[in-house]
Amino acid sequence: MIGWWIVVAAQTPEERDQAIDTKLALLANWEVGPRGIDWLHRLVKAGKASQLAFSGYPNRFTAQACDVLPLLAGGPPAHQGPAIIGDDYVMPANWKGNLIFHQDKIAACPSDQLLTIDAWDLS
């Protein structure tokens, strides 16, 4: 596995699936190495998030903004991922890239907003 592309949106899963333009509700998206969704699993274990899909195309989670947005204040949550060496690429340990954080939208997001977090398998 190469890692994950994570998309955080200020929409319910139903709103996200029915939206014509999904970019309007986009709060953040980024790519991380294989253990880059551990923070989501910790939220699920703590009862602060639910995992709705497990396929990787995508793995889908929901959580309240008050539980997720503080974790994104300094960018993507830290993770302890291994280095990945492929046929024509090398990704260093704890790699993250292609970061897009809409700080204005994050700041304006109500704390009780249900977020949809999709984690797409980059393999």
PDB file of N, CA and C in Angstrom:
ATOM      1  N   MET A   1       0.837  -1.183   0.000  1.00  0.00           N
ATOM      2  CA  MET A   1       0.000   0.000   0.000  1.00  0.00           C
ATOM      3  C   MET A   1       0.878   1.241   0.000  1.00  0.00           C
ATOM      4  N   ILE A   2       0.529   2.201  -0.846  1.00  0.00           N
ATOM      5  CA  ILE A   2       1.257   3.462  -0.924  1.00  0.00           C
ATOM      6  C   ILE A   2       0.786   4.419   0.166  1.00  0.00           C
ATOM      7  N   GLY A   3      -0.504   4.478   0.395  1.00  0.00           N
ATOM      8  CA  GLY A   3      -1.035   5.398   1.389  1.00  0.00           C
ATOM      9  C   GLY A   3      -2.467   5.776   1.088  1.00  0.00           C
ATOM     10  N   TRP A   4      -2.841   6.969   1.543  1.00  0.00           N
ATOM     11  CA  TRP A   4      -4.221   7.425   1.493  1.00  0.00           C
ATOM     12  C   TRP A   4      -4.334   8.851   0.976  1.00  0.00           C
ATOM     13  N   TRP A   5      -5.422   9.120   0.289  1.00  0.00           N
ATOM     14  CA  TRP A   5      -5.831  10.480  -0.040  1.00  0.00           C
ATOM     15  C   TRP A   5      -7.038  10.747   0.851  1.00  0.00           C
ATOM     16  N   ILE A   6      -6.926  11.725   1.742  1.00  0.00           N
ATOM     17  CA  ILE A   6      -7.964  12.011   2.715  1.00  0.00           C
ATOM     18  C   ILE A   6      -8.701  13.281   2.309  1.00  0.00           C
ATOM     19  N   VAL A   7     -10.026  13.220   2.331  1.00  0.00           N
ATOM     20  CA  VAL A   7     -10.886  14.342   1.960  1.00  0.00           C
ATOM     21  C   VAL A   7     -11.846  14.598   3.115  1.00  0.00           C
ATOM     22  N   VAL A   8     -11.822  15.821   3.655  1.00  0.00           N
ATOM     23  CA  VAL A   8     -12.700  16.208   4.758  1.00  0.00           C
ATOM     24  C   VAL A   8     -13.690  17.244   4.215  1.00  0.00           C
ATOM     25  N   ALA A   9     -14.987  16.943   4.355  1.00  0.00           N
ATOM     26  CA  ALA A   9     -16.028  17.824   3.822  1.00  0.00           C
ATOM     27  C   ALA A   9     -17.081  18.129   4.876  1.00  0.00           C
ATOM     28  N   ALA A  10     -17.569  19.351   4.853  1.00  0.00           N
ATOM     29  CA  ALA A  10     -18.627  19.800   5.771  1.00  0.00           C
ATOM     30  C   ALA A  10     -19.982  19.435   5.171  1.00  0.00           C
ATOM     31  N   GLN A  11     -20.206  18.138   5.062  1.00  0.00           N
ATOM     32  CA  GLN A  11     -21.448  17.585   4.515  1.00  0.00           C
ATOM     33  C   GLN A  11     -21.711  16.244   5.186  1.00  0.00           C
ATOM     34  N   THR A  12     -22.971  15.879   5.257  1.00  0.00           N
ATOM     35  CA  THR A  12     -23.309  14.518   5.658  1.00  0.00           C
ATOM     36  C   THR A  12     -22.952  13.603   4.488  1.00  0.00           C
ATOM     37  N   PRO A  13     -22.850  12.310   4.707  1.00  0.00           N
ATOM     38  CA  PRO A  13     -22.584  11.410   3.586  1.00  0.00           C
ATOM     39  C   PRO A  13     -23.632  11.524   2.475  1.00  0.00           C
ATOM     40  N   GLU A  14     -24.902  11.679   2.860  1.00  0.00           N
ATOM     41  CA  GLU A  14     -25.967  11.802   1.862  1.00  0.00           C
ATOM     42  C   GLU A  14     -25.800  13.082   1.040  1.00  0.00           C
ATOM     43  N   GLU A  15     -25.494  14.189   1.713  1.00  0.00           N
ATOM     44  CA  GLU A  15     -25.275  15.453   0.998  1.00  0.00           C
ATOM     45  C   GLU A  15     -24.077  15.340   0.069  1.00  0.00           C
ATOM     46  N   ARG A  16     -23.030  14.692   0.541  1.00  0.00           N
ATOM     47  CA  ARG A  16     -21.816  14.530  -0.258  1.00  0.00           C
ATOM     48  C   ARG A  16     -22.104  13.711  -1.514  1.00  0.00           C
ATOM     49  N   ASP A  17     -22.849  12.618  -1.349  1.00  0.00           N
ATOM     50  CA  ASP A  17     -23.141  11.743  -2.479  1.00  0.00           C
ATOM     51  C   ASP A  17     -24.070  12.398  -3.498  1.00  0.00           C
ATOM     52  N   GLN A  18     -24.927  13.315  -3.056  1.00  0.00           N
ATOM     53  CA  GLN A  18     -25.895  13.948  -3.949  1.00  0.00           C
ATOM     54  C   GLN A  18     -25.416  15.280  -4.517  1.00  0.00           C
ATOM     55  N   ALA A  19     -24.318  15.814  -3.996  1.00  0.00           N
ATOM     56  CA  ALA A  19     -23.840  17.132  -4.413  1.00  0.00           C
ATOM     57  C   ALA A  19     -23.379  17.121  -5.865  1.00  0.00           C
ATOM     58  N   ILE A  20     -23.765  18.147  -6.573  1.00  0.00           N
ATOM     59  CA  ILE A  20     -23.292  18.317  -7.952  1.00  0.00           C
ATOM     60  C   ILE A  20     -21.867  18.845  -7.941  1.00  0.00           C
ATOM     61  N   ASP A  21     -21.580  19.788  -7.037  1.00  0.00           N
ATOM     62  CA  ASP A  21     -20.236  20.345  -6.900  1.00  0.00           C
ATOM     63  C   ASP A  21     -19.740  20.060  -5.485  1.00  0.00           C
ATOM     64  N   THR A  22     -18.931  19.031  -5.321  1.00  0.00           N
ATOM     65  CA  THR A  22     -18.450  18.642  -3.994  1.00  0.00           C
ATOM     66  C   THR A  22     -17.359  19.574  -3.468  1.00  0.00           C
ATOM     67  N   LYS A  23     -16.814  20.429  -4.323  1.00  0.00           N
ATOM     68  CA  LYS A  23     -15.742  21.329  -3.897  1.00  0.00           C
ATOM     69  C   LYS A  23     -16.230  22.413  -2.949  1.00  0.00           C
ATOM     70  N   LEU A  24     -17.506  22.760  -3.018  1.00  0.00           N
ATOM     71  CA  LEU A  24     -18.027  23.837  -2.177  1.00  0.00           C
ATOM     72  C   LEU A  24     -17.892  23.528  -0.692  1.00  0.00           C
ATOM     73  N   ALA A  25     -18.082  22.296  -0.299  1.00  0.00           N
ATOM     74  CA  ALA A  25     -18.037  21.899   1.112  1.00  0.00           C
ATOM     75  C   ALA A  25     -16.670  21.376   1.542  1.00  0.00           C
ATOM     76  N   LEU A  26     -15.704  21.362   0.645  1.00  0.00           N
ATOM     77  CA  LEU A  26     -14.389  20.812   0.947  1.00  0.00           C
ATOM     78  C   LEU A  26     -13.660  21.680   1.967  1.00  0.00           C
ATOM     79  N   LEU A  27     -13.252  21.077   3.070  1.00  0.00           N
ATOM     80  CA  LEU A  27     -12.479  21.782   4.091  1.00  0.00           C
ATOM     81  C   LEU A  27     -10.985  21.533   3.914  1.00  0.00           C
ATOM     82  N   ALA A  28     -10.631  20.288   3.607  1.00  0.00           N
ATOM     83  CA  ALA A  28      -9.216  19.938   3.474  1.00  0.00           C
ATOM     84  C   ALA A  28      -9.080  18.618   2.728  1.00  0.00           C
ATOM     85  N   ASN A  29      -7.940  18.449   2.087  1.00  0.00           N
ATOM     86  CA  ASN A  29      -7.569  17.139   1.547  1.00  0.00           C
ATOM     87  C   ASN A  29      -6.060  17.073   1.444  1.00  0.00           C
ATOM     88  N   TRP A  30      -5.535  15.858   1.586  1.00  0.00           N
ATOM     89  CA  TRP A  30      -4.097  15.639   1.560  1.00  0.00           C
ATOM     90  C   TRP A  30      -3.821  14.160   1.338  1.00  0.00           C
ATOM     91  N   GLU A  31      -2.552  13.860   1.068  1.00  0.00           N
ATOM     92  CA  GLU A  31      -2.114  12.478   0.906  1.00  0.00           C
ATOM     93  C   GLU A  31      -1.139  12.143   2.027  1.00  0.00           C
ATOM     94  N   VAL A  32      -1.217  10.910   2.495  1.00  0.00           N
ATOM     95  CA  VAL A  32      -0.331  10.435   3.564  1.00  0.00           C
ATOM     96  C   VAL A  32       0.062   8.990   3.307  1.00  0.00           C
ATOM     97  N   GLY A  33       1.061   8.544   4.041  1.00  0.00           N
ATOM     98  CA  GLY A  33       1.516   7.169   3.942  1.00  0.00           C
ATOM     99  C   GLY A  33       0.526   6.184   4.549  1.00  0.00           C
ATOM    100  N   PRO A  34       0.907   4.916   4.611  1.00  0.00           N
ATOM    101  CA  PRO A  34      -0.004   3.838   4.993  1.00  0.00           C
ATOM    102  C   PRO A  34      -0.676   3.979   6.356  1.00  0.00           C
ATOM    103  N   ARG A  35      -0.024   4.571   7.331  1.00  0.00           N
ATOM    104  CA  ARG A  35      -0.625   4.685   8.664  1.00  0.00           C
ATOM    105  C   ARG A  35      -1.270   6.053   8.865  1.00  0.00           C
ATOM    106  N   GLY A  36      -1.478   6.764   7.788  1.00  0.00           N
ATOM    107  CA  GLY A  36      -1.998   8.121   7.856  1.00  0.00           C
ATOM    108  C   GLY A  36      -3.459   8.258   8.219  1.00  0.00           C
ATOM    109  N   ILE A  37      -4.175   7.135   8.377  1.00  0.00           N
ATOM    110  CA  ILE A  37      -5.565   7.229   8.847  1.00  0.00           C
ATOM    111  C   ILE A  37      -5.719   6.671  10.261  1.00  0.00           C
ATOM    112  N   ASP A  38      -4.611   6.448  10.940  1.00  0.00           N
ATOM    113  CA  ASP A  38      -4.691   5.964  12.325  1.00  0.00           C
ATOM    114  C   ASP A  38      -5.493   6.919  13.203  1.00  0.00           C
ATOM    115  N   TRP A  39      -5.386   8.220  12.945  1.00  0.00           N
ATOM    116  CA  TRP A  39      -6.128   9.201  13.750  1.00  0.00           C
ATOM    117  C   TRP A  39      -7.635   8.985  13.634  1.00  0.00           C
ATOM    118  N   LEU A  40      -8.087   8.564  12.467  1.00  0.00           N
ATOM    119  CA  LEU A  40      -9.512   8.282  12.286  1.00  0.00           C
ATOM    120  C   LEU A  40      -9.922   7.038  13.075  1.00  0.00           C
ATOM    121  N   HIS A  41      -9.085   6.028  13.064  1.00  0.00           N
ATOM    122  CA  HIS A  41      -9.383   4.816  13.829  1.00  0.00           C
ATOM    123  C   HIS A  41      -9.400   5.106  15.331  1.00  0.00           C
ATOM    124  N   ARG A  42      -8.525   6.016  15.794  1.00  0.00           N
ATOM    125  CA  ARG A  42      -8.545   6.403  17.211  1.00  0.00           C
ATOM    126  C   ARG A  42      -9.857   7.123  17.555  1.00  0.00           C
ATOM    127  N   LEU A  43     -10.343   7.980  16.653  1.00  0.00           N
ATOM    128  CA  LEU A  43     -11.626   8.656  16.889  1.00  0.00           C
ATOM    129  C   LEU A  43     -12.765   7.641  16.965  1.00  0.00           C
ATOM    130  N   VAL A  44     -12.750   6.643  16.089  1.00  0.00           N
ATOM    131  CA  VAL A  44     -13.784   5.601  16.120  1.00  0.00           C
ATOM    132  C   VAL A  44     -13.715   4.848  17.443  1.00  0.00           C
ATOM    133  N   LYS A  45     -12.519   4.455  17.847  1.00  0.00           N
ATOM    134  CA  LYS A  45     -12.347   3.705  19.097  1.00  0.00           C
ATOM    135  C   LYS A  45     -12.826   4.517  20.297  1.00  0.00           C
ATOM    136  N   ALA A  46     -12.637   5.842  20.245  1.00  0.00           N
ATOM    137  CA  ALA A  46     -13.059   6.718  21.342  1.00  0.00           C
ATOM    138  C   ALA A  46     -14.553   7.046  21.285  1.00  0.00           C
ATOM    139  N   GLY A  47     -15.244   6.565  20.251  1.00  0.00           N
ATOM    140  CA  GLY A  47     -16.668   6.835  20.115  1.00  0.00           C
ATOM    141  C   GLY A  47     -16.974   8.219  19.569  1.00  0.00           C
ATOM    142  N   LYS A  48     -15.977   8.864  18.968  1.00  0.00           N
ATOM    143  CA  LYS A  48     -16.147  10.218  18.434  1.00  0.00           C
ATOM    144  C   LYS A  48     -16.299  10.241  16.918  1.00  0.00           C
ATOM    145  N   ALA A  49     -16.271   9.089  16.292  1.00  0.00           N
ATOM    146  CA  ALA A  49     -16.457   8.972  14.841  1.00  0.00           C
ATOM    147  C   ALA A  49     -17.066   7.613  14.548  1.00  0.00           C
ATOM    148  N   SER A  50     -17.661   7.509  13.382  1.00  0.00           N
ATOM    149  CA  SER A  50     -18.208   6.239  12.907  1.00  0.00           C
ATOM    150  C   SER A  50     -17.583   5.919  11.563  1.00  0.00           C
ATOM    151  N   GLN A  51     -17.268   4.656  11.346  1.00  0.00           N
ATOM    152  CA  GLN A  51     -16.780   4.229  10.039  1.00  0.00           C
ATOM    153  C   GLN A  51     -17.926   3.564   9.314  1.00  0.00           C
ATOM    154  N   LEU A  52     -18.266   4.130   8.144  1.00  0.00           N
ATOM    155  CA  LEU A  52     -19.407   3.657   7.370  1.00  0.00           C
ATOM    156  C   LEU A  52     -19.022   2.713   6.248  1.00  0.00           C
ATOM    157  N   ALA A  53     -17.804   2.833   5.727  1.00  0.00           N
ATOM    158  CA  ALA A  53     -17.357   1.990   4.613  1.00  0.00           C
ATOM    159  C   ALA A  53     -15.911   1.590   4.854  1.00  0.00           C
ATOM    160  N   PHE A  54     -15.562   0.386   4.423  1.00  0.00           N
ATOM    161  CA  PHE A  54     -14.267  -0.202   4.718  1.00  0.00           C
ATOM    162  C   PHE A  54     -13.498  -0.617   3.465  1.00  0.00           C
ATOM    163  N   SER A  55     -13.972  -0.259   2.296  1.00  0.00           N
ATOM    164  CA  SER A  55     -13.411  -0.807   1.062  1.00  0.00           C
ATOM    165  C   SER A  55     -12.123  -0.141   0.587  1.00  0.00           C
ATOM    166  N   GLY A  56     -11.842   1.078   1.075  1.00  0.00           N
ATOM    167  CA  GLY A  56     -10.685   1.817   0.571  1.00  0.00           C
ATOM    168  C   GLY A  56     -11.022   2.650  -0.647  1.00  0.00           C
ATOM    169  N   TYR A  57     -12.229   2.501  -1.165  1.00  0.00           N
ATOM    170  CA  TYR A  57     -12.625   3.222  -2.390  1.00  0.00           C
ATOM    171  C   TYR A  57     -13.962   3.916  -2.222  1.00  0.00           C
ATOM    172  N   PRO A  58     -14.182   4.722  -1.218  1.00  0.00           N
ATOM    173  CA  PRO A  58     -13.260   5.044  -0.119  1.00  0.00           C
ATOM    174  C   PRO A  58     -13.627   4.323   1.162  1.00  0.00           C
ATOM    175  N   ASN A  59     -12.727   4.426   2.153  1.00  0.00           N
ATOM    176  CA  ASN A  59     -13.126   4.190   3.540  1.00  0.00           C
ATOM    177  C   ASN A  59     -13.857   5.472   3.911  1.00  0.00           C
ATOM    178  N   ARG A  60     -15.022   5.361   4.512  1.00  0.00           N
ATOM    179  CA  ARG A  60     -15.805   6.563   4.829  1.00  0.00           C
ATOM    180  C   ARG A  60     -16.079   6.636   6.322  1.00  0.00           C
ATOM    181  N   PHE A  61     -15.846   7.821   6.863  1.00  0.00           N
ATOM    182  CA  PHE A  61     -16.055   8.093   8.276  1.00  0.00           C
ATOM    183  C   PHE A  61     -16.944   9.326   8.406  1.00  0.00           C
ATOM    184  N   THR A  62     -17.634   9.429   9.540  1.00  0.00           N
ATOM    185  CA  THR A  62     -18.324  10.661   9.902  1.00  0.00           C
ATOM    186  C   THR A  62     -17.915  11.011  11.330  1.00  0.00           C
ATOM    187  N   ALA A  63     -17.890  12.318  11.598  1.00  0.00           N
ATOM    188  CA  ALA A  63     -17.561  12.808  12.935  1.00  0.00           C
ATOM    189  C   ALA A  63     -18.004  14.262  13.017  1.00  0.00           C
ATOM    190  N   GLN A  64     -18.211  14.721  14.232  1.00  0.00           N
ATOM    191  CA  GLN A  64     -18.557  16.119  14.458  1.00  0.00           C
ATOM    192  C   GLN A  64     -17.324  16.988  14.233  1.00  0.00           C
ATOM    193  N   ALA A  65     -17.552  18.184  13.707  1.00  0.00           N
ATOM    194  CA  ALA A  65     -16.457  19.127  13.461  1.00  0.00           C
ATOM    195  C   ALA A  65     -15.658  19.406  14.730  1.00  0.00           C
ATOM    196  N   CYS A  66     -16.325  19.482  15.879  1.00  0.00           N
ATOM    197  CA  CYS A  66     -15.624  19.785  17.138  1.00  0.00           C
ATOM    198  C   CYS A  66     -14.593  18.720  17.494  1.00  0.00           C
ATOM    199  N   ASP A  67     -14.738  17.510  16.984  1.00  0.00           N
ATOM    200  CA  ASP A  67     -13.793  16.435  17.268  1.00  0.00           C
ATOM    201  C   ASP A  67     -12.698  16.303  16.211  1.00  0.00           C
ATOM    202  N   VAL A  68     -12.932  16.839  15.029  1.00  0.00           N
ATOM    203  CA  VAL A  68     -11.977  16.683  13.931  1.00  0.00           C
ATOM    204  C   VAL A  68     -11.150  17.950  13.687  1.00  0.00           C
ATOM    205  N   LEU A  69     -11.800  19.086  13.620  1.00  0.00           N
ATOM    206  CA  LEU A  69     -11.100  20.306  13.196  1.00  0.00           C
ATOM    207  C   LEU A  69      -9.941  20.703  14.107  1.00  0.00           C
ATOM    208  N   PRO A  70     -10.018  20.504  15.425  1.00  0.00           N
ATOM    209  CA  PRO A  70      -8.827  20.807  16.233  1.00  0.00           C
ATOM    210  C   PRO A  70      -7.611  19.951  15.852  1.00  0.00           C
ATOM    211  N   LEU A  71      -7.857  18.748  15.351  1.00  0.00           N
ATOM    212  CA  LEU A  71      -6.762  17.868  14.932  1.00  0.00           C
ATOM    213  C   LEU A  71      -6.107  18.364  13.650  1.00  0.00           C
ATOM    214  N   LEU A  72      -6.816  19.219  12.902  1.00  0.00           N
ATOM    215  CA  LEU A  72      -6.310  19.722  11.628  1.00  0.00           C
ATOM    216  C   LEU A  72      -5.731  21.131  11.739  1.00  0.00           C
ATOM    217  N   ALA A  73      -5.701  21.675  12.943  1.00  0.00           N
ATOM    218  CA  ALA A  73      -5.273  23.066  13.141  1.00  0.00           C
ATOM    219  C   ALA A  73      -3.871  23.328  12.597  1.00  0.00           C
ATOM    220  N   GLY A  74      -2.968  22.384  12.739  1.00  0.00           N
ATOM    221  CA  GLY A  74      -1.605  22.573  12.255  1.00  0.00           C
ATOM    222  C   GLY A  74      -1.305  21.811  10.985  1.00  0.00           C
ATOM    223  N   GLY A  75      -2.333  21.413  10.266  1.00  0.00           N
ATOM    224  CA  GLY A  75      -2.152  20.594   9.066  1.00  0.00           C
ATOM    225  C   GLY A  75      -2.596  19.172   9.355  1.00  0.00           C
ATOM    226  N   PRO A  76      -2.176  18.216   8.538  1.00  0.00           N
ATOM    227  CA  PRO A  76      -2.597  16.832   8.738  1.00  0.00           C
ATOM    228  C   PRO A  76      -2.123  16.290  10.084  1.00  0.00           C
ATOM    229  N   PRO A  77      -2.927  15.458  10.715  1.00  0.00           N
ATOM    230  CA  PRO A  77      -2.471  14.830  11.963  1.00  0.00           C
ATOM    231  C   PRO A  77      -1.189  14.026  11.724  1.00  0.00           C
ATOM    232  N   ALA A  78      -0.296  14.077  12.708  1.00  0.00           N
ATOM    233  CA  ALA A  78       0.965  13.336  12.604  1.00  0.00           C
ATOM    234  C   ALA A  78       0.682  11.830  12.567  1.00  0.00           C
ATOM    235  N   HIS A  79       1.551  11.111  11.895  1.00  0.00           N
ATOM    236  CA  HIS A  79       1.429   9.655  11.867  1.00  0.00           C
ATOM    237  C   HIS A  79       2.826   9.036  11.829  1.00  0.00           C
ATOM    238  N   GLN A  80       2.895   7.767  12.145  1.00  0.00           N
ATOM    239  CA  GLN A  80       4.159   7.040  12.188  1.00  0.00           C
ATOM    240  C   GLN A  80       4.165   5.996  11.078  1.00  0.00           C
ATOM    241  N   GLY A  81       4.337   6.445   9.859  1.00  0.00           N
ATOM    242  CA  GLY A  81       4.320   5.537   8.726  1.00  0.00           C
ATOM    243  C   GLY A  81       5.708   5.149   8.272  1.00  0.00           C
ATOM    244  N   PRO A  82       5.839   3.989   7.665  1.00  0.00           N
ATOM    245  CA  PRO A  82       7.137   3.532   7.158  1.00  0.00           C
ATOM    246  C   PRO A  82       7.498   4.220   5.848  1.00  0.00           C
ATOM    247  N   ALA A  83       8.755   4.162   5.493  1.00  0.00           N
ATOM    248  CA  ALA A  83       9.181   4.598   4.163  1.00  0.00           C
ATOM    249  C   ALA A  83       8.631   3.603   3.140  1.00  0.00           C
ATOM    250  N   ILE A  84       8.277   4.101   1.965  1.00  0.00           N
ATOM    251  CA  ILE A  84       7.738   3.254   0.901  1.00  0.00           C
ATOM    252  C   ILE A  84       8.651   3.395  -0.317  1.00  0.00           C
ATOM    253  N   ILE A  85       9.134   2.263  -0.813  1.00  0.00           N
ATOM    254  CA  ILE A  85      10.002   2.266  -1.986  1.00  0.00           C
ATOM    255  C   ILE A  85       9.321   1.453  -3.069  1.00  0.00           C
ATOM    256  N   GLY A  86       9.004   2.120  -4.173  1.00  0.00           N
ATOM    257  CA  GLY A  86       8.361   1.466  -5.293  1.00  0.00           C
ATOM    258  C   GLY A  86       9.307   1.332  -6.464  1.00  0.00           C
ATOM    259  N   ASP A  87       8.788   0.905  -7.585  1.00  0.00           N
ATOM    260  CA  ASP A  87       9.611   0.729  -8.778  1.00  0.00           C
ATOM    261  C   ASP A  87      10.227   2.034  -9.248  1.00  0.00           C
ATOM    262  N   ASP A  88       9.454   3.124  -9.168  1.00  0.00           N
ATOM    263  CA  ASP A  88       9.957   4.399  -9.672  1.00  0.00           C
ATOM    264  C   ASP A  88       9.678   5.563  -8.722  1.00  0.00           C
ATOM    265  N   TYR A  89       9.566   5.290  -7.419  1.00  0.00           N
ATOM    266  CA  TYR A  89       9.333   6.353  -6.452  1.00  0.00           C
ATOM    267  C   TYR A  89       9.817   5.930  -5.070  1.00  0.00           C
ATOM    268  N   VAL A  90      10.081   6.927  -4.250  1.00  0.00           N
ATOM    269  CA  VAL A  90      10.413   6.714  -2.844  1.00  0.00           C
ATOM    270  C   VAL A  90       9.631   7.735  -2.048  1.00  0.00           C
ATOM    271  N   MET A  91       8.922   7.258  -1.020  1.00  0.00           N
ATOM    272  CA  MET A  91       8.203   8.147  -0.122  1.00  0.00           C
ATOM    273  C   MET A  91       8.822   7.969   1.256  1.00  0.00           C
ATOM    274  N   PRO A  92       9.331   9.049   1.849  1.00  0.00           N
ATOM    275  CA  PRO A  92       9.988   8.913   3.147  1.00  0.00           C
ATOM    276  C   PRO A  92       9.003   8.527   4.248  1.00  0.00           C
ATOM    277  N   ALA A  93       9.524   8.046   5.364  1.00  0.00           N
ATOM    278  CA  ALA A  93       8.686   7.716   6.522  1.00  0.00           C
ATOM    279  C   ALA A  93       7.869   8.942   6.916  1.00  0.00           C
ATOM    280  N   ASN A  94       6.653   8.715   7.340  1.00  0.00           N
ATOM    281  CA  ASN A  94       5.742   9.766   7.810  1.00  0.00           C
ATOM    282  C   ASN A  94       5.397  10.775   6.714  1.00  0.00           C
ATOM    283  N   TRP A  95       5.475  10.341   5.466  1.00  0.00           N
ATOM    284  CA  TRP A  95       5.240  11.209   4.323  1.00  0.00           C
ATOM    285  C   TRP A  95       3.822  11.769   4.315  1.00  0.00           C
ATOM    286  N   LYS A  96       3.713  13.024   3.908  1.00  0.00           N
ATOM    287  CA  LYS A  96       2.433  13.658   3.604  1.00  0.00           C
ATOM    288  C   LYS A  96       2.691  14.646   2.479  1.00  0.00           C
ATOM    289  N   GLY A  97       1.696  14.838   1.631  1.00  0.00           N
ATOM    290  CA  GLY A  97       1.885  15.724   0.493  1.00  0.00           C
ATOM    291  C   GLY A  97       0.571  16.190  -0.083  1.00  0.00           C
ATOM    292  N   ASN A  98       0.684  17.081  -1.075  1.00  0.00           N
ATOM    293  CA  ASN A  98      -0.471  17.632  -1.780  1.00  0.00           C
ATOM    294  C   ASN A  98      -1.513  18.174  -0.800  1.00  0.00           C
ATOM    295  N   LEU A  99      -1.042  18.940   0.168  1.00  0.00           N
ATOM    296  CA  LEU A  99      -1.899  19.481   1.227  1.00  0.00           C
ATOM    297  C   LEU A  99      -2.721  20.653   0.725  1.00  0.00           C
ATOM    298  N   ILE A 100      -4.025  20.572   0.929  1.00  0.00           N
ATOM    299  CA  ILE A 100      -4.930  21.685   0.643  1.00  0.00           C
ATOM    300  C   ILE A 100      -5.821  21.854   1.865  1.00  0.00           C
ATOM    301  N   PHE A 101      -5.635  22.955   2.574  1.00  0.00           N
ATOM    302  CA  PHE A 101      -6.424  23.268   3.763  1.00  0.00           C
ATOM    303  C   PHE A 101      -7.072  24.633   3.543  1.00  0.00           C
ATOM    304  N   HIS A 102      -8.388  24.674   3.547  1.00  0.00           N
ATOM    305  CA  HIS A 102      -9.140  25.921   3.370  1.00  0.00           C
ATOM    306  C   HIS A 102      -9.408  26.498   4.758  1.00  0.00           C
ATOM    307  N   GLN A 103      -8.438  27.262   5.269  1.00  0.00           N
ATOM    308  CA  GLN A 103      -8.525  27.767   6.639  1.00  0.00           C
ATOM    309  C   GLN A 103      -9.764  28.623   6.865  1.00  0.00           C
ATOM    310  N   ASP A 104     -10.195  29.377   5.856  1.00  0.00           N
ATOM    311  CA  ASP A 104     -11.399  30.203   6.003  1.00  0.00           C
ATOM    312  C   ASP A 104     -12.640  29.340   6.206  1.00  0.00           C
ATOM    313  N   LYS A 105     -12.754  28.262   5.464  1.00  0.00           N
ATOM    314  CA  LYS A 105     -13.891  27.352   5.613  1.00  0.00           C
ATOM    315  C   LYS A 105     -13.818  26.591   6.928  1.00  0.00           C
ATOM    316  N   ILE A 106     -12.608  26.194   7.319  1.00  0.00           N
ATOM    317  CA  ILE A 106     -12.430  25.487   8.593  1.00  0.00           C
ATOM    318  C   ILE A 106     -12.844  26.392   9.746  1.00  0.00           C
ATOM    319  N   ALA A 107     -12.418  27.651   9.716  1.00  0.00           N
ATOM    320  CA  ALA A 107     -12.741  28.600  10.789  1.00  0.00           C
ATOM    321  C   ALA A 107     -14.245  28.885  10.855  1.00  0.00           C
ATOM    322  N   ALA A 108     -14.913  28.875   9.705  1.00  0.00           N
ATOM    323  CA  ALA A 108     -16.345  29.190   9.657  1.00  0.00           C
ATOM    324  C   ALA A 108     -17.242  27.980   9.916  1.00  0.00           C
ATOM    325  N   CYS A 109     -16.674  26.798   9.981  1.00  0.00           N
ATOM    326  CA  CYS A 109     -17.465  25.570  10.137  1.00  0.00           C
ATOM    327  C   CYS A 109     -18.025  25.477  11.555  1.00  0.00           C
ATOM    328  N   PRO A 110     -19.351  25.330  11.693  1.00  0.00           N
ATOM    329  CA  PRO A 110     -19.945  25.179  13.027  1.00  0.00           C
ATOM    330  C   PRO A 110     -19.428  23.910  13.721  1.00  0.00           C
ATOM    331  N   SER A 111     -19.234  23.988  15.029  1.00  0.00           N
ATOM    332  CA  SER A 111     -18.675  22.857  15.766  1.00  0.00           C
ATOM    333  C   SER A 111     -19.587  21.636  15.755  1.00  0.00           C
ATOM    334  N   ASP A 112     -20.903  21.859  15.549  1.00  0.00           N
ATOM    335  CA  ASP A 112     -21.834  20.726  15.527  1.00  0.00           C
ATOM    336  C   ASP A 112     -22.087  20.180  14.119  1.00  0.00           C
ATOM    337  N   GLN A 113     -21.344  20.687  13.127  1.00  0.00           N
ATOM    338  CA  GLN A 113     -21.478  20.204  11.749  1.00  0.00           C
ATOM    339  C   GLN A 113     -20.995  18.763  11.652  1.00  0.00           C
ATOM    340  N   LEU A 114     -21.798  17.889  11.065  1.00  0.00           N
ATOM    341  CA  LEU A 114     -21.349  16.531  10.793  1.00  0.00           C
ATOM    342  C   LEU A 114     -20.450  16.562   9.564  1.00  0.00           C
ATOM    343  N   LEU A 115     -19.267  16.030   9.701  1.00  0.00           N
ATOM    344  CA  LEU A 115     -18.307  15.980   8.601  1.00  0.00           C
ATOM    345  C   LEU A 115     -18.289  14.585   7.996  1.00  0.00           C
ATOM    346  N   THR A 116     -18.005  14.537   6.710  1.00  0.00           N
ATOM    347  CA  THR A 116     -17.731  13.271   6.037  1.00  0.00           C
ATOM    348  C   THR A 116     -16.250  13.265   5.714  1.00  0.00           C
ATOM    349  N   ILE A 117     -15.572  12.197   6.122  1.00  0.00           N
ATOM    350  CA  ILE A 117     -14.147  12.053   5.858  1.00  0.00           C
ATOM    351  C   ILE A 117     -13.975  10.796   5.018  1.00  0.00           C
ATOM    352  N   ASP A 118     -13.515  10.996   3.806  1.00  0.00           N
ATOM    353  CA  ASP A 118     -13.261   9.871   2.898  1.00  0.00           C
ATOM    354  C   ASP A 118     -11.760   9.631   2.822  1.00  0.00           C
ATOM    355  N   ALA A 119     -11.345   8.388   2.969  1.00  0.00           N
ATOM    356  CA  ALA A 119      -9.948   8.006   2.847  1.00  0.00           C
ATOM    357  C   ALA A 119      -9.828   7.033   1.680  1.00  0.00           C
ATOM    358  N   TRP A 120      -9.255   7.519   0.594  1.00  0.00           N
ATOM    359  CA  TRP A 120      -9.131   6.734  -0.631  1.00  0.00           C
ATOM    360  C   TRP A 120      -7.774   6.026  -0.656  1.00  0.00           C
ATOM    361  N   ASP A 121      -7.788   4.737  -0.892  1.00  0.00           N
ATOM    362  CA  ASP A 121      -6.571   3.932  -0.988  1.00  0.00           C
ATOM    363  C   ASP A 121      -5.809   4.344  -2.253  1.00  0.00           C
ATOM    364  N   LEU A 122      -4.548   4.725  -2.087  1.00  0.00           N
ATOM    365  CA  LEU A 122      -3.728   5.168  -3.221  1.00  0.00           C
ATOM    366  C   LEU A 122      -2.972   4.030  -3.912  1.00  0.00           C
ATOM    367  N   SER A 123      -3.221   2.799  -3.512  1.00  0.00           N
ATOM    368  CA  SER A 123      -2.500   1.674  -4.128  1.00  0.00           C
ATOM    369  C   SER A 123      -2.823   1.543  -5.593  1.00  0.00           C
TER     370      SER A 123
END
